[in-house]
Amino acid sequence: MSESSDEYGVGFISPRKITFGPKLGEGSFGEVFKGEWKRYQNGAPYYTDIAIKIVRDQTLIDNAWDEAHKMNELDHQNILMIYGVCNHPDDAAPWMIMEYMPCGDLWNYLYNRPQGCPSDWMWSIAQGIASGMDYLHNDANQIHGDLAARNCLLGHNDSVKIGDFGKFNDNYSNDYCYGAGGGGNLPFPMRWMPPENVAPAFTYPYKPKFSKAGDVWAYGVVLFEIWTRATTPYDDLTDDQVRATLAAGNNPYHFTNVLACNFIRGLMDHCWTRNVNDRTDFAEIVERFGN
């Protein structure tokens, strides 16, 4: 357990009990390291593998505690867990101590298996992500805003958990556009966003819009990523062309052949319904998987 907690129950962890390991990712917004957390049970020490997320962008630093409070409210097998926050006297940025997932992110896993993955495995991963998002929307009443394969993390026994490490990895920097708002640069994943959340023209300052219906659209893009072996949505299009093609009513599989069963193709269609009021939701998606 953590040493103490704030008024919202977020645990404080002593930096003396944190040991840094290899860097898992680094981007313009921060870094993620693997590490160990020294803990005690009945007086005997033991060690827990952790991921240490350190935000370096001032706008995200300002939002770090709000993010920690929201994550601390979550408890679901398909949502990445936060153990607590560590304040180091020599570092202005809080260290967010997170659950470590040993098999990395879903996009990288798919990309490194060009021969493909078993269909039952892909189905199980897609179902797990839907379950986590259903909990996030309907039990926790939260919006993710950056659902993508890069932000789904894999563990042993085919487990999958939704996180948000994508912005902290330069390998995924091209997945984001950058506007200005809230006092600093804010990344937004336009290729995973629905047309109603993307402005017809990027005027600056530009602040991205996020919604639950937008998360559902993004889930359709995650299905596209899984069943195309980590293909980037709207591959080879510039950001301006993506914005134009969204306005024209196109979606990712208008540009890439998707080899998926009718159920998955139909699910993508329901996620990409242009009328927000007619678009499916995660409760219905989970029910569809159950049937």
Protein backbone atom coordinates (compact mmCIF):
# COMPACT_ATOMS: atom_id res chain seq x y z
CA MET A 1 0.00 0.00 0.00
CA SER A 2 1.06 3.63 -0.45
CA GLU A 3 2.30 5.64 2.54
CA SER A 4 -0.52 8.21 2.55
CA SER A 5 -3.13 9.70 0.25
CA ASP A 6 -4.69 13.01 -0.69
CA GLU A 7 -8.31 14.02 -0.12
CA TYR A 8 -9.38 12.06 -3.23
CA GLY A 9 -7.65 8.87 -2.14
CA VAL A 10 -4.69 9.05 -4.55
CA GLY A 11 -1.78 7.36 -2.80
CA PHE A 12 1.59 9.03 -2.26
CA ILE A 13 4.57 6.72 -2.75
CA SER A 14 8.03 7.54 -1.41
CA PRO A 15 10.69 7.99 -4.13
CA ARG A 16 13.05 5.96 -1.94
CA LYS A 17 10.92 2.89 -2.72
CA ILE A 18 11.06 3.38 -6.49
CA THR A 19 13.87 1.92 -8.62
CA PHE A 20 14.09 2.95 -12.27
CA GLY A 21 14.66 0.39 -15.00
CA PRO A 22 14.83 0.75 -18.80
CA LYS A 23 13.01 3.49 -20.64
CA LEU A 24 9.88 2.17 -22.35
CA GLY A 25 9.08 5.28 -24.32
CA GLU A 26 9.95 8.95 -24.74
CA GLY A 27 8.14 11.72 -26.56
CA SER A 28 7.76 15.46 -26.55
CA PHE A 29 5.16 15.17 -23.75
CA GLY A 30 7.08 12.96 -21.37
CA GLU A 31 8.68 9.61 -20.65
CA VAL A 32 7.68 6.15 -19.45
CA PHE A 33 10.07 3.83 -17.62
CA LYS A 34 9.85 0.32 -16.33
CA GLY A 35 10.66 0.16 -12.63
CA GLU A 36 10.23 -1.63 -9.33
CA TRP A 37 8.30 -0.60 -6.26
CA LYS A 38 9.60 -1.93 -2.94
CA ARG A 39 6.70 -2.91 -0.72
CA TYR A 40 6.25 -4.78 2.54
CA GLN A 41 3.94 -7.53 3.73
CA ASN A 42 4.09 -8.72 7.33
CA GLY A 43 7.43 -6.94 7.64
CA ALA A 44 9.00 -8.74 4.67
CA PRO A 45 9.94 -6.80 1.52
CA TYR A 46 8.71 -7.74 -1.94
CA TYR A 47 8.88 -5.99 -5.30
CA THR A 48 6.18 -5.04 -7.81
CA ASP A 49 6.96 -4.30 -11.44
CA ILE A 50 5.64 -0.86 -12.37
CA ALA A 51 5.47 1.62 -15.22
CA ILE A 52 6.60 5.13 -14.24
CA LYS A 53 4.96 7.88 -16.32
CA ILE A 54 6.61 11.29 -16.07
CA VAL A 55 4.87 14.20 -17.78
CA ARG A 56 7.19 16.90 -19.15
CA ASP A 57 4.75 19.17 -20.99
CA GLN A 58 3.53 22.00 -18.75
CA THR A 59 -0.09 21.76 -19.91
CA LEU A 60 -0.18 18.04 -19.10
CA ILE A 61 1.65 18.61 -15.80
CA ASP A 62 -1.12 21.03 -14.84
CA ASN A 63 -3.67 18.28 -15.59
CA ALA A 64 -1.67 15.43 -14.02
CA TRP A 65 -3.41 15.46 -10.64
CA ASP A 66 -6.84 15.61 -12.26
CA GLU A 67 -5.86 12.60 -14.37
CA ALA A 68 -4.58 10.76 -11.28
CA HIS A 69 -7.83 11.42 -9.42
CA LYS A 70 -9.90 10.10 -12.34
CA MET A 71 -7.74 7.00 -12.74
CA ASN A 72 -7.89 6.31 -9.03
CA GLU A 73 -11.68 5.95 -9.31
CA LEU A 74 -11.35 3.13 -11.85
CA ASP A 75 -11.38 -0.56 -11.03
CA HIS A 76 -11.80 -2.90 -13.99
CA GLN A 77 -9.83 -5.81 -15.41
CA ASN A 78 -9.48 -4.03 -18.77
CA ILE A 79 -8.40 -0.62 -17.44
CA LEU A 80 -4.77 0.10 -16.51
CA MET A 81 -4.39 0.62 -12.76
CA ILE A 82 -2.67 3.54 -11.05
CA TYR A 83 -0.91 2.64 -7.80
CA GLY A 84 -0.18 6.19 -6.73
CA VAL A 85 1.88 9.31 -7.33
CA CYS A 86 5.45 10.01 -6.34
CA ASN A 87 6.77 13.55 -5.75
CA HIS A 88 10.55 13.77 -6.01
CA PRO A 89 12.17 16.88 -4.49
CA ASP A 90 14.45 17.29 -7.53
CA ASP A 91 11.70 16.88 -10.14
CA ALA A 92 8.86 19.36 -10.65
CA ALA A 93 6.80 16.77 -12.51
CA PRO A 94 4.90 14.14 -10.53
CA TRP A 95 5.77 10.51 -11.22
CA MET A 96 2.63 8.51 -11.91
CA ILE A 97 3.18 4.95 -10.70
CA MET A 98 1.20 2.63 -12.94
CA GLU A 99 0.59 -1.04 -13.49
CA TYR A 100 3.20 -2.63 -15.79
CA MET A 101 2.05 -4.68 -18.77
CA PRO A 102 4.89 -6.97 -19.90
CA CYS A 103 3.85 -7.55 -23.51
CA GLY A 104 3.82 -3.91 -24.60
CA ASP A 105 1.22 -2.07 -26.63
CA LEU A 106 -1.22 -3.62 -29.06
CA TRP A 107 -0.06 -1.72 -32.15
CA ASN A 108 3.55 -2.82 -31.74
CA TYR A 109 2.44 -6.39 -31.04
CA LEU A 110 0.39 -6.49 -34.24
CA TYR A 111 3.07 -4.79 -36.33
CA ASN A 112 5.70 -7.33 -35.32
CA ARG A 113 3.50 -10.24 -36.41
CA PRO A 114 3.09 -9.65 -40.16
CA GLN A 115 1.90 -13.22 -40.57
CA GLY A 116 -1.15 -12.24 -38.55
CA CYS A 117 -2.65 -13.31 -35.24
CA PRO A 118 -5.21 -16.05 -34.51
CA SER A 119 -8.76 -14.88 -35.11
CA ASP A 120 -9.91 -16.01 -31.66
CA TRP A 121 -7.10 -13.95 -30.08
CA MET A 122 -8.11 -10.84 -32.06
CA TRP A 123 -11.74 -11.41 -31.08
CA SER A 124 -10.79 -11.74 -27.39
CA ILE A 125 -8.71 -8.54 -27.45
CA ALA A 126 -11.47 -6.59 -29.19
CA GLN A 127 -14.03 -7.87 -26.67
CA GLY A 128 -11.79 -6.93 -23.73
CA ILE A 129 -11.31 -3.39 -25.02
CA ALA A 130 -15.07 -3.01 -25.50
CA SER A 131 -15.67 -4.25 -21.94
CA GLY A 132 -13.21 -1.73 -20.53
CA MET A 133 -14.75 1.13 -22.50
CA ASP A 134 -18.27 0.11 -21.45
CA TYR A 135 -17.12 0.36 -17.82
CA LEU A 136 -15.39 3.69 -18.44
CA HIS A 137 -18.48 5.24 -20.05
CA ASN A 138 -21.34 3.71 -18.11
CA ASP A 139 -19.93 3.02 -14.65
CA ALA A 140 -17.26 5.70 -14.30
CA ASN A 141 -18.91 8.26 -16.61
CA GLN A 142 -15.54 9.18 -18.14
CA ILE A 143 -14.36 9.86 -21.69
CA HIS A 144 -11.05 8.46 -22.92
CA GLY A 145 -10.41 10.71 -25.92
CA ASP A 146 -7.42 8.77 -27.28
CA LEU A 147 -8.56 5.18 -27.78
CA ALA A 148 -6.17 3.49 -30.23
CA ALA A 149 -4.11 0.30 -30.51
CA ARG A 150 -1.05 2.21 -29.25
CA ASN A 151 -2.93 2.89 -26.00
CA CYS A 152 -4.06 -0.69 -25.38
CA LEU A 153 -1.50 -2.65 -23.36
CA LEU A 154 -1.03 -6.40 -23.32
CA GLY A 155 -0.19 -8.72 -20.46
CA HIS A 156 0.16 -12.43 -19.93
CA ASN A 157 -2.69 -14.84 -20.68
CA ASP A 158 -4.01 -12.64 -23.52
CA SER A 159 -5.04 -9.85 -21.16
CA VAL A 160 -5.55 -6.32 -22.47
CA LYS A 161 -5.88 -3.04 -20.57
CA ILE A 162 -6.67 0.45 -21.79
CA GLY A 163 -4.08 3.10 -20.97
CA ASP A 164 -2.71 6.30 -22.50
CA PHE A 165 1.03 5.90 -23.08
CA GLY A 166 0.87 6.72 -26.82
CA LYS A 167 1.68 10.41 -26.38
CA PHE A 168 4.86 9.42 -24.53
CA ASN A 169 6.44 7.55 -27.43
CA ASP A 170 8.06 9.33 -30.39
CA ASN A 171 7.25 6.31 -32.55
CA TYR A 172 3.62 7.49 -32.48
CA SER A 173 4.23 11.22 -32.89
CA ASN A 174 2.80 11.16 -36.43
CA ASP A 175 -0.48 9.81 -35.03
CA TYR A 176 -1.18 13.21 -33.48
CA CYS A 177 -1.96 16.69 -34.69
CA TYR A 178 -1.07 19.65 -32.54
CA GLY A 179 -3.28 22.59 -31.72
CA ALA A 180 -3.08 25.18 -29.02
CA GLY A 181 -5.43 25.47 -26.07
CA GLY A 182 -5.45 25.54 -22.32
CA GLY A 183 -2.20 27.47 -22.29
CA GLY A 184 -0.10 25.03 -24.33
CA ASN A 185 0.12 22.54 -27.14
CA LEU A 186 -2.47 19.77 -27.00
CA PRO A 187 -2.10 16.66 -29.14
CA PHE A 188 -5.21 15.19 -30.73
CA PRO A 189 -5.51 11.93 -32.70
CA MET A 190 -7.46 13.16 -35.75
CA ARG A 191 -7.20 9.84 -37.64
CA TRP A 192 -9.12 8.20 -34.78
CA MET A 193 -11.70 10.99 -34.41
CA PRO A 194 -15.22 11.28 -35.85
CA PRO A 195 -16.15 14.03 -38.29
CA GLU A 196 -18.32 15.88 -35.75
CA ASN A 197 -15.29 16.34 -33.47
CA VAL A 198 -12.93 17.60 -36.19
CA ALA A 199 -13.23 21.23 -37.23
CA PRO A 200 -13.65 21.83 -41.00
CA ALA A 201 -10.55 24.04 -40.82
CA PHE A 202 -7.79 24.30 -38.24
CA THR A 203 -7.79 27.83 -36.96
CA TYR A 204 -5.39 28.61 -34.18
CA PRO A 205 -5.70 28.45 -31.28
CA TYR A 206 -7.49 25.14 -31.82
CA LYS A 207 -8.76 23.02 -28.97
CA PRO A 208 -9.79 19.44 -29.82
CA LYS A 209 -13.26 18.14 -28.99
CA PHE A 210 -13.84 14.75 -27.35
CA SER A 211 -17.02 12.81 -26.58
CA LYS A 212 -18.33 9.36 -25.73
CA ALA A 213 -19.61 9.01 -29.29
CA GLY A 214 -16.10 9.90 -30.41
CA ASP A 215 -14.69 7.04 -28.31
CA VAL A 216 -17.10 4.68 -30.10
CA TRP A 217 -15.87 5.91 -33.50
CA ALA A 218 -12.28 5.38 -32.30
CA TYR A 219 -13.14 1.83 -31.26
CA GLY A 220 -14.12 1.14 -34.86
CA VAL A 221 -10.66 2.36 -35.86
CA VAL A 222 -9.10 0.03 -33.27
CA LEU A 223 -10.96 -2.88 -34.89
CA PHE A 224 -9.56 -1.68 -38.22
CA GLU A 225 -6.04 -1.67 -36.74
CA ILE A 226 -6.43 -5.18 -35.35
CA TRP A 227 -7.85 -6.72 -38.53
CA THR A 228 -5.37 -4.96 -40.84
CA ARG A 229 -2.30 -5.90 -38.77
CA ALA A 230 -1.51 -2.39 -37.50
CA THR A 231 -2.27 -0.40 -40.64
CA THR A 232 -2.40 3.34 -39.98
CA PRO A 233 -5.89 4.71 -40.71
CA TYR A 234 -5.96 6.87 -43.87
CA ASP A 235 -2.45 5.71 -44.64
CA ASP A 236 -0.54 7.98 -47.08
CA LEU A 237 -2.98 10.88 -46.62
CA THR A 238 -1.83 14.20 -45.16
CA ASP A 239 -3.63 15.64 -42.16
CA ASP A 240 -5.45 18.14 -44.40
CA GLN A 241 -6.54 15.28 -46.68
CA VAL A 242 -7.78 13.28 -43.68
CA ARG A 243 -9.88 16.21 -42.55
CA ALA A 244 -11.32 16.56 -46.06
CA THR A 245 -12.05 12.85 -46.39
CA LEU A 246 -13.84 12.81 -43.03
CA ALA A 247 -15.99 15.70 -44.22
CA ALA A 248 -16.70 13.77 -47.42
CA GLY A 249 -18.10 10.82 -45.49
CA ASN A 250 -15.23 8.36 -45.88
CA ASN A 251 -13.82 6.06 -43.22
CA PRO A 252 -10.57 4.05 -42.96
CA TYR A 253 -11.69 0.98 -44.88
CA HIS A 254 -12.49 3.05 -47.94
CA PHE A 255 -8.71 3.19 -48.32
CA THR A 256 -7.60 -0.24 -47.09
CA ASN A 257 -8.97 -3.72 -47.68
CA VAL A 258 -10.13 -5.16 -44.35
CA LEU A 259 -10.13 -8.95 -44.18
CA ALA A 260 -12.62 -9.43 -41.36
CA CYS A 261 -15.74 -11.49 -40.82
CA ASN A 262 -19.17 -9.95 -41.38
CA PHE A 263 -19.67 -9.44 -37.64
CA ILE A 264 -16.53 -7.28 -37.29
CA ARG A 265 -17.20 -5.39 -40.52
CA GLY A 266 -20.75 -4.75 -39.33
CA LEU A 267 -19.44 -3.55 -35.97
CA MET A 268 -17.12 -1.10 -37.70
CA ASP A 269 -20.06 0.21 -39.71
CA HIS A 270 -22.08 0.77 -36.53
CA CYS A 271 -19.15 2.58 -34.90
CA TRP A 272 -18.73 4.80 -37.96
CA THR A 273 -22.37 5.82 -38.34
CA ARG A 274 -22.20 9.52 -39.16
CA ASN A 275 -25.39 10.46 -37.32
CA VAL A 276 -24.30 10.55 -33.67
CA ASN A 277 -27.79 9.69 -32.43
CA ASP A 278 -27.80 6.51 -34.52
CA ARG A 279 -24.26 5.41 -33.59
CA THR A 280 -23.94 2.37 -31.37
CA ASP A 281 -22.58 2.54 -27.82
CA PHE A 282 -20.33 0.27 -25.78
CA ALA A 283 -23.16 -1.36 -23.85
CA GLU A 284 -24.61 -2.53 -27.16
CA ILE A 285 -21.18 -3.58 -28.46
CA VAL A 286 -20.56 -5.71 -25.37
CA GLU A 287 -24.00 -7.26 -25.81
CA ARG A 288 -23.24 -8.03 -29.46
CA PHE A 289 -20.04 -9.85 -28.47
CA GLY A 290 -21.97 -11.80 -25.86
CA ASN A 291 -24.47 -12.99 -28.45
